[in-house]
PDB file of all heavy atoms in Angstrom:
ATOM      1  N   ASN A   1      -7.858   2.744 -47.947  1.00  0.00           N
ATOM      2  CA  ASN A   1      -7.595   1.721 -48.959  1.00  0.00           C
ATOM      3  C   ASN A   1      -8.343   0.409 -48.699  1.00  0.00           C
ATOM      4  O   ASN A   1      -8.253  -0.530 -49.490  1.00  0.00           O
ATOM      5  CB  ASN A   1      -6.090   1.432 -49.020  1.00  0.00           C
ATOM      6  CG  ASN A   1      -5.296   2.659 -49.446  1.00  0.00           C
ATOM      7  OD1 ASN A   1      -5.712   3.393 -50.335  1.00  0.00           O
ATOM      8  ND2 ASN A   1      -4.149   2.874 -48.807  1.00  0.00           N
ATOM      9  N   THR A   2      -9.087   0.335 -47.581  1.00  0.00           N
ATOM     10  CA  THR A   2      -9.820  -0.891 -47.252  1.00  0.00           C
ATOM     11  C   THR A   2     -11.026  -1.060 -48.181  1.00  0.00           C
ATOM     12  O   THR A   2     -11.807  -0.118 -48.355  1.00  0.00           O
ATOM     13  CB  THR A   2     -10.307  -0.860 -45.793  1.00  0.00           C
ATOM     14  OG1 THR A   2      -9.188  -0.677 -44.917  1.00  0.00           O
ATOM     15  CG2 THR A   2     -11.010  -2.166 -45.440  1.00  0.00           C
ATOM     16  N   ARG A   3     -11.173  -2.224 -48.754  1.00  0.00           N
ATOM     17  CA  ARG A   3     -12.345  -2.526 -49.573  1.00  0.00           C
ATOM     18  C   ARG A   3     -13.454  -2.953 -48.621  1.00  0.00           C
ATOM     19  O   ARG A   3     -13.318  -3.945 -47.896  1.00  0.00           O
ATOM     20  CB  ARG A   3     -12.020  -3.620 -50.576  1.00  0.00           C
ATOM     21  CG  ARG A   3     -10.925  -3.243 -51.576  1.00  0.00           C
ATOM     22  CD  ARG A   3     -10.726  -4.307 -52.618  1.00  0.00           C
ATOM     23  NE  ARG A   3     -11.903  -4.461 -53.466  1.00  0.00           N
ATOM     24  CZ  ARG A   3     -12.000  -5.364 -54.449  1.00  0.00           C
ATOM     25  NH1 ARG A   3     -10.988  -6.178 -54.693  1.00  0.00           N
ATOM     26  NH2 ARG A   3     -13.097  -5.444 -55.166  1.00  0.00           N
ATOM     27  N   PHE A   4     -14.546  -2.221 -48.632  1.00  0.00           N
ATOM     28  CA  PHE A   4     -15.575  -2.435 -47.621  1.00  0.00           C
ATOM     29  C   PHE A   4     -16.949  -2.158 -48.191  1.00  0.00           C
ATOM     30  O   PHE A   4     -17.175  -1.147 -48.845  1.00  0.00           O
ATOM     31  CB  PHE A   4     -15.306  -1.502 -46.431  1.00  0.00           C
ATOM     32  CG  PHE A   4     -16.444  -1.439 -45.445  1.00  0.00           C
ATOM     33  CD1 PHE A   4     -16.680  -2.487 -44.575  1.00  0.00           C
ATOM     34  CD2 PHE A   4     -17.275  -0.328 -45.389  1.00  0.00           C
ATOM     35  CE1 PHE A   4     -17.725  -2.437 -43.671  1.00  0.00           C
ATOM     36  CE2 PHE A   4     -18.321  -0.267 -44.494  1.00  0.00           C
ATOM     37  CZ  PHE A   4     -18.550  -1.338 -43.623  1.00  0.00           C
ATOM     38  N   ASN A   5     -17.873  -3.072 -47.938  1.00  0.00           N
ATOM     39  CA  ASN A   5     -19.268  -2.887 -48.328  1.00  0.00           C
ATOM     40  C   ASN A   5     -20.132  -3.488 -47.226  1.00  0.00           C
ATOM     41  O   ASN A   5     -20.258  -4.705 -47.116  1.00  0.00           O
ATOM     42  CB  ASN A   5     -19.558  -3.545 -49.678  1.00  0.00           C
ATOM     43  CG  ASN A   5     -20.972  -3.253 -50.166  1.00  0.00           C
ATOM     44  OD1 ASN A   5     -21.865  -2.879 -49.394  1.00  0.00           O
ATOM     45  ND2 ASN A   5     -21.191  -3.415 -51.460  1.00  0.00           N
ATOM     46  N   ALA A   6     -20.714  -2.619 -46.406  1.00  0.00           N
ATOM     47  CA  ALA A   6     -21.504  -3.086 -45.262  1.00  0.00           C
ATOM     48  C   ALA A   6     -22.674  -3.949 -45.698  1.00  0.00           C
ATOM     49  O   ALA A   6     -23.091  -4.862 -44.965  1.00  0.00           O
ATOM     50  CB  ALA A   6     -22.003  -1.890 -44.459  1.00  0.00           C
ATOM     51  N   ASP A   7     -23.221  -3.686 -46.876  1.00  0.00           N
ATOM     52  CA  ASP A   7     -24.377  -4.446 -47.344  1.00  0.00           C
ATOM     53  C   ASP A   7     -24.040  -5.913 -47.621  1.00  0.00           C
ATOM     54  O   ASP A   7     -24.930  -6.760 -47.688  1.00  0.00           O
ATOM     55  CB  ASP A   7     -24.962  -3.812 -48.609  1.00  0.00           C
ATOM     56  CG  ASP A   7     -25.610  -2.459 -48.330  1.00  0.00           C
ATOM     57  OD1 ASP A   7     -26.063  -2.250 -47.189  1.00  0.00           O
ATOM     58  OD2 ASP A   7     -25.646  -1.619 -49.253  1.00  0.00           O
ATOM     59  N   GLN A   8     -22.756  -6.214 -47.780  1.00  0.00           N
ATOM     60  CA  GLN A   8     -22.347  -7.581 -48.073  1.00  0.00           C
ATOM     61  C   GLN A   8     -21.971  -8.364 -46.814  1.00  0.00           C
ATOM     62  O   GLN A   8     -21.623  -9.536 -46.895  1.00  0.00           O
ATOM     63  CB  GLN A   8     -21.168  -7.576 -49.052  1.00  0.00           C
ATOM     64  CG  GLN A   8     -21.520  -7.016 -50.423  1.00  0.00           C
ATOM     65  CD  GLN A   8     -20.329  -6.958 -51.356  1.00  0.00           C
ATOM     66  OE1 GLN A   8     -19.194  -7.179 -50.956  1.00  0.00           O
ATOM     67  NE2 GLN A   8     -20.593  -6.663 -52.627  1.00  0.00           N
ATOM     68  N   ILE A   9     -22.026  -7.703 -45.654  1.00  0.00           N
ATOM     69  CA  ILE A   9     -21.694  -8.366 -44.389  1.00  0.00           C
ATOM     70  C   ILE A   9     -22.990  -8.732 -43.672  1.00  0.00           C
ATOM     71  O   ILE A   9     -23.795  -7.853 -43.349  1.00  0.00           O
ATOM     72  CB  ILE A   9     -20.821  -7.458 -43.502  1.00  0.00           C
ATOM     73  CG1 ILE A   9     -19.521  -7.105 -44.242  1.00  0.00           C
ATOM     74  CG2 ILE A   9     -20.516  -8.137 -42.177  1.00  0.00           C
ATOM     75  CD1 ILE A   9     -18.653  -6.109 -43.514  1.00  0.00           C
ATOM     76  N   ASN A  10     -23.163 -10.017 -43.421  1.00  0.00           N
ATOM     77  CA  ASN A  10     -24.418 -10.504 -42.849  1.00  0.00           C
ATOM     78  C   ASN A  10     -24.324 -10.513 -41.322  1.00  0.00           C
ATOM     79  O   ASN A  10     -23.934 -11.504 -40.710  1.00  0.00           O
ATOM     80  CB  ASN A  10     -24.745 -11.899 -43.383  1.00  0.00           C
ATOM     81  CG  ASN A  10     -26.093 -12.396 -42.884  1.00  0.00           C
ATOM     82  OD1 ASN A  10     -26.976 -11.596 -42.568  1.00  0.00           O
ATOM     83  ND2 ASN A  10     -26.239 -13.699 -42.810  1.00  0.00           N
ATOM     84  N   ASN A  11     -24.669  -9.374 -40.714  1.00  0.00           N
ATOM     85  CA  ASN A  11     -24.738  -9.304 -39.260  1.00  0.00           C
ATOM     86  C   ASN A  11     -25.729  -8.214 -38.883  1.00  0.00           C
ATOM     87  O   ASN A  11     -26.005  -7.310 -39.684  1.00  0.00           O
ATOM     88  CB  ASN A  11     -23.368  -9.013 -38.649  1.00  0.00           C
ATOM     89  CG  ASN A  11     -23.248  -9.591 -37.246  1.00  0.00           C
ATOM     90  OD1 ASN A  11     -24.250  -9.896 -36.590  1.00  0.00           O
ATOM     91  ND2 ASN A  11     -22.019  -9.749 -36.767  1.00  0.00           N
ATOM     92  N   LEU A  12     -26.263  -8.301 -37.674  1.00  0.00           N
ATOM     93  CA  LEU A  12     -27.265  -7.340 -37.238  1.00  0.00           C
ATOM     94  C   LEU A  12     -26.708  -5.929 -37.222  1.00  0.00           C
ATOM     95  O   LEU A  12     -27.335  -4.987 -37.701  1.00  0.00           O
ATOM     96  CB  LEU A  12     -27.777  -7.725 -35.846  1.00  0.00           C
ATOM     97  CG  LEU A  12     -29.000  -6.977 -35.321  1.00  0.00           C
ATOM     98  CD1 LEU A  12     -30.186  -7.160 -36.253  1.00  0.00           C
ATOM     99  CD2 LEU A  12     -29.346  -7.473 -33.918  1.00  0.00           C
ATOM    100  N   VAL A  13     -25.491  -5.771 -36.686  1.00  0.00           N
ATOM    101  CA  VAL A  13     -24.810  -4.478 -36.641  1.00  0.00           C
ATOM    102  C   VAL A  13     -23.407  -4.642 -37.199  1.00  0.00           C
ATOM    103  O   VAL A  13     -22.699  -5.587 -36.841  1.00  0.00           O
ATOM    104  CB  VAL A  13     -24.725  -3.916 -35.204  1.00  0.00           C
ATOM    105  CG1 VAL A  13     -23.998  -2.567 -35.199  1.00  0.00           C
ATOM    106  CG2 VAL A  13     -26.107  -3.773 -34.599  1.00  0.00           C
ATOM    107  N   VAL A  14     -23.015  -3.737 -38.073  1.00  0.00           N
ATOM    108  CA  VAL A  14     -21.650  -3.700 -38.591  1.00  0.00           C
ATOM    109  C   VAL A  14     -21.073  -2.332 -38.241  1.00  0.00           C
ATOM    110  O   VAL A  14     -21.658  -1.302 -38.589  1.00  0.00           O
ATOM    111  CB  VAL A  14     -21.608  -3.912 -40.120  1.00  0.00           C
ATOM    112  CG1 VAL A  14     -20.180  -3.759 -40.637  1.00  0.00           C
ATOM    113  CG2 VAL A  14     -22.170  -5.279 -40.477  1.00  0.00           C
ATOM    114  N   GLY A  15     -19.958  -2.315 -37.523  1.00  0.00           N
ATOM    115  CA  GLY A  15     -19.350  -1.049 -37.108  1.00  0.00           C
ATOM    116  C   GLY A  15     -18.050  -0.779 -37.833  1.00  0.00           C
ATOM    117  O   GLY A  15     -17.309  -1.703 -38.186  1.00  0.00           O
ATOM    118  N   VAL A  16     -17.768   0.501 -38.032  1.00  0.00           N
ATOM    119  CA  VAL A  16     -16.542   0.922 -38.707  1.00  0.00           C
ATOM    120  C   VAL A  16     -15.946   2.124 -37.985  1.00  0.00           C
ATOM    121  O   VAL A  16     -16.674   3.058 -37.606  1.00  0.00           O
ATOM    122  CB  VAL A  16     -16.827   1.316 -40.179  1.00  0.00           C
ATOM    123  CG1 VAL A  16     -15.612   1.994 -40.791  1.00  0.00           C
ATOM    124  CG2 VAL A  16     -17.205   0.094 -40.996  1.00  0.00           C
ATOM    125  N   ALA A  17     -14.641   2.111 -37.793  1.00  0.00           N
ATOM    126  CA  ALA A  17     -13.910   3.255 -37.265  1.00  0.00           C
ATOM    127  C   ALA A  17     -12.799   3.585 -38.249  1.00  0.00           C
ATOM    128  O   ALA A  17     -12.104   2.685 -38.726  1.00  0.00           O
ATOM    129  CB  ALA A  17     -13.321   2.939 -35.891  1.00  0.00           C
ATOM    130  N   ALA A  18     -12.629   4.843 -38.579  1.00  0.00           N
ATOM    131  CA  ALA A  18     -11.613   5.216 -39.567  1.00  0.00           C
ATOM    132  C   ALA A  18     -11.149   6.643 -39.329  1.00  0.00           C
ATOM    133  O   ALA A  18     -11.847   7.453 -38.706  1.00  0.00           O
ATOM    134  CB  ALA A  18     -12.160   5.068 -40.982  1.00  0.00           C
ATOM    135  N   ARG A  19      -9.971   6.934 -39.826  1.00  0.00           N
ATOM    136  CA  ARG A  19      -9.421   8.293 -39.821  1.00  0.00           C
ATOM    137  C   ARG A  19      -9.070   8.628 -41.263  1.00  0.00           C
ATOM    138  O   ARG A  19      -8.203   7.989 -41.862  1.00  0.00           O
ATOM    139  CB  ARG A  19      -8.189   8.385 -38.924  1.00  0.00           C
ATOM    140  CG  ARG A  19      -7.669   9.796 -38.710  1.00  0.00           C
ATOM    141  CD  ARG A  19      -6.573   9.815 -37.660  1.00  0.00           C
ATOM    142  NE  ARG A  19      -6.038  11.142 -37.465  1.00  0.00           N
ATOM    143  CZ  ARG A  19      -6.581  12.074 -36.689  1.00  0.00           C
ATOM    144  NH1 ARG A  19      -7.703  11.799 -36.029  1.00  0.00           N
ATOM    145  NH2 ARG A  19      -6.028  13.265 -36.550  1.00  0.00           N
ATOM    146  N   ILE A  20      -9.769   9.609 -41.824  1.00  0.00           N
ATOM    147  CA  ILE A  20      -9.671   9.883 -43.260  1.00  0.00           C
ATOM    148  C   ILE A  20      -9.422  11.364 -43.498  1.00  0.00           C
ATOM    149  O   ILE A  20      -9.956  12.230 -42.793  1.00  0.00           O
ATOM    150  CB  ILE A  20     -10.971   9.439 -43.969  1.00  0.00           C
ATOM    151  CG1 ILE A  20     -11.080   7.905 -43.936  1.00  0.00           C
ATOM    152  CG2 ILE A  20     -11.014   9.915 -45.412  1.00  0.00           C
ATOM    153  CD1 ILE A  20     -12.289   7.358 -44.626  1.00  0.00           C
ATOM    154  N   GLY A  21      -8.610  11.668 -44.502  1.00  0.00           N
ATOM    155  CA  GLY A  21      -8.343  13.048 -44.886  1.00  0.00           C
ATOM    156  C   GLY A  21      -9.412  13.571 -45.827  1.00  0.00           C
ATOM    157  O   GLY A  21     -10.560  13.130 -45.787  1.00  0.00           O
ATOM    158  N   THR A  22      -9.036  14.491 -46.704  1.00  0.00           N
ATOM    159  CA  THR A  22      -9.999  15.057 -47.647  1.00  0.00           C
ATOM    160  C   THR A  22     -10.653  13.942 -48.460  1.00  0.00           C
ATOM    161  O   THR A  22      -9.975  13.100 -49.044  1.00  0.00           O
ATOM    162  CB  THR A  22      -9.292  16.038 -48.601  1.00  0.00           C
ATOM    163  OG1 THR A  22      -8.661  17.059 -47.821  1.00  0.00           O
ATOM    164  CG2 THR A  22     -10.284  16.671 -49.548  1.00  0.00           C
ATOM    165  N   HIS A  23     -11.977  13.954 -48.473  1.00  0.00           N
ATOM    166  CA  HIS A  23     -12.693  12.830 -49.083  1.00  0.00           C
ATOM    167  C   HIS A  23     -14.092  13.261 -49.497  1.00  0.00           C
ATOM    168  O   HIS A  23     -14.754  14.040 -48.807  1.00  0.00           O
ATOM    169  CB  HIS A  23     -12.795  11.679 -48.071  1.00  0.00           C
ATOM    170  CG  HIS A  23     -13.604  10.510 -48.549  1.00  0.00           C
ATOM    171  ND1 HIS A  23     -13.162   9.646 -49.523  1.00  0.00           N
ATOM    172  CD2 HIS A  23     -14.841  10.065 -48.180  1.00  0.00           C
ATOM    173  CE1 HIS A  23     -14.081   8.714 -49.733  1.00  0.00           C
ATOM    174  NE2 HIS A  23     -15.113   8.951 -48.952  1.00  0.00           N
ATOM    175  N   ASP A  24     -14.545  12.761 -50.623  1.00  0.00           N
ATOM    176  CA  ASP A  24     -15.910  12.969 -51.100  1.00  0.00           C
ATOM    177  C   ASP A  24     -16.451  11.602 -51.512  1.00  0.00           C
ATOM    178  O   ASP A  24     -15.951  10.984 -52.450  1.00  0.00           O
ATOM    179  CB  ASP A  24     -15.912  13.941 -52.291  1.00  0.00           C
ATOM    180  CG  ASP A  24     -17.310  14.303 -52.756  1.00  0.00           C
ATOM    181  OD1 ASP A  24     -18.240  13.493 -52.565  1.00  0.00           O
ATOM    182  OD2 ASP A  24     -17.490  15.387 -53.343  1.00  0.00           O
TER     183      ASP A  24
END
């Protein structure tokens, strides 16, 4: 449910960790 867009975050590296069920 997190609203996230890496392209809008101004940093050299942006990391994400998540646990997700069935998803496309």
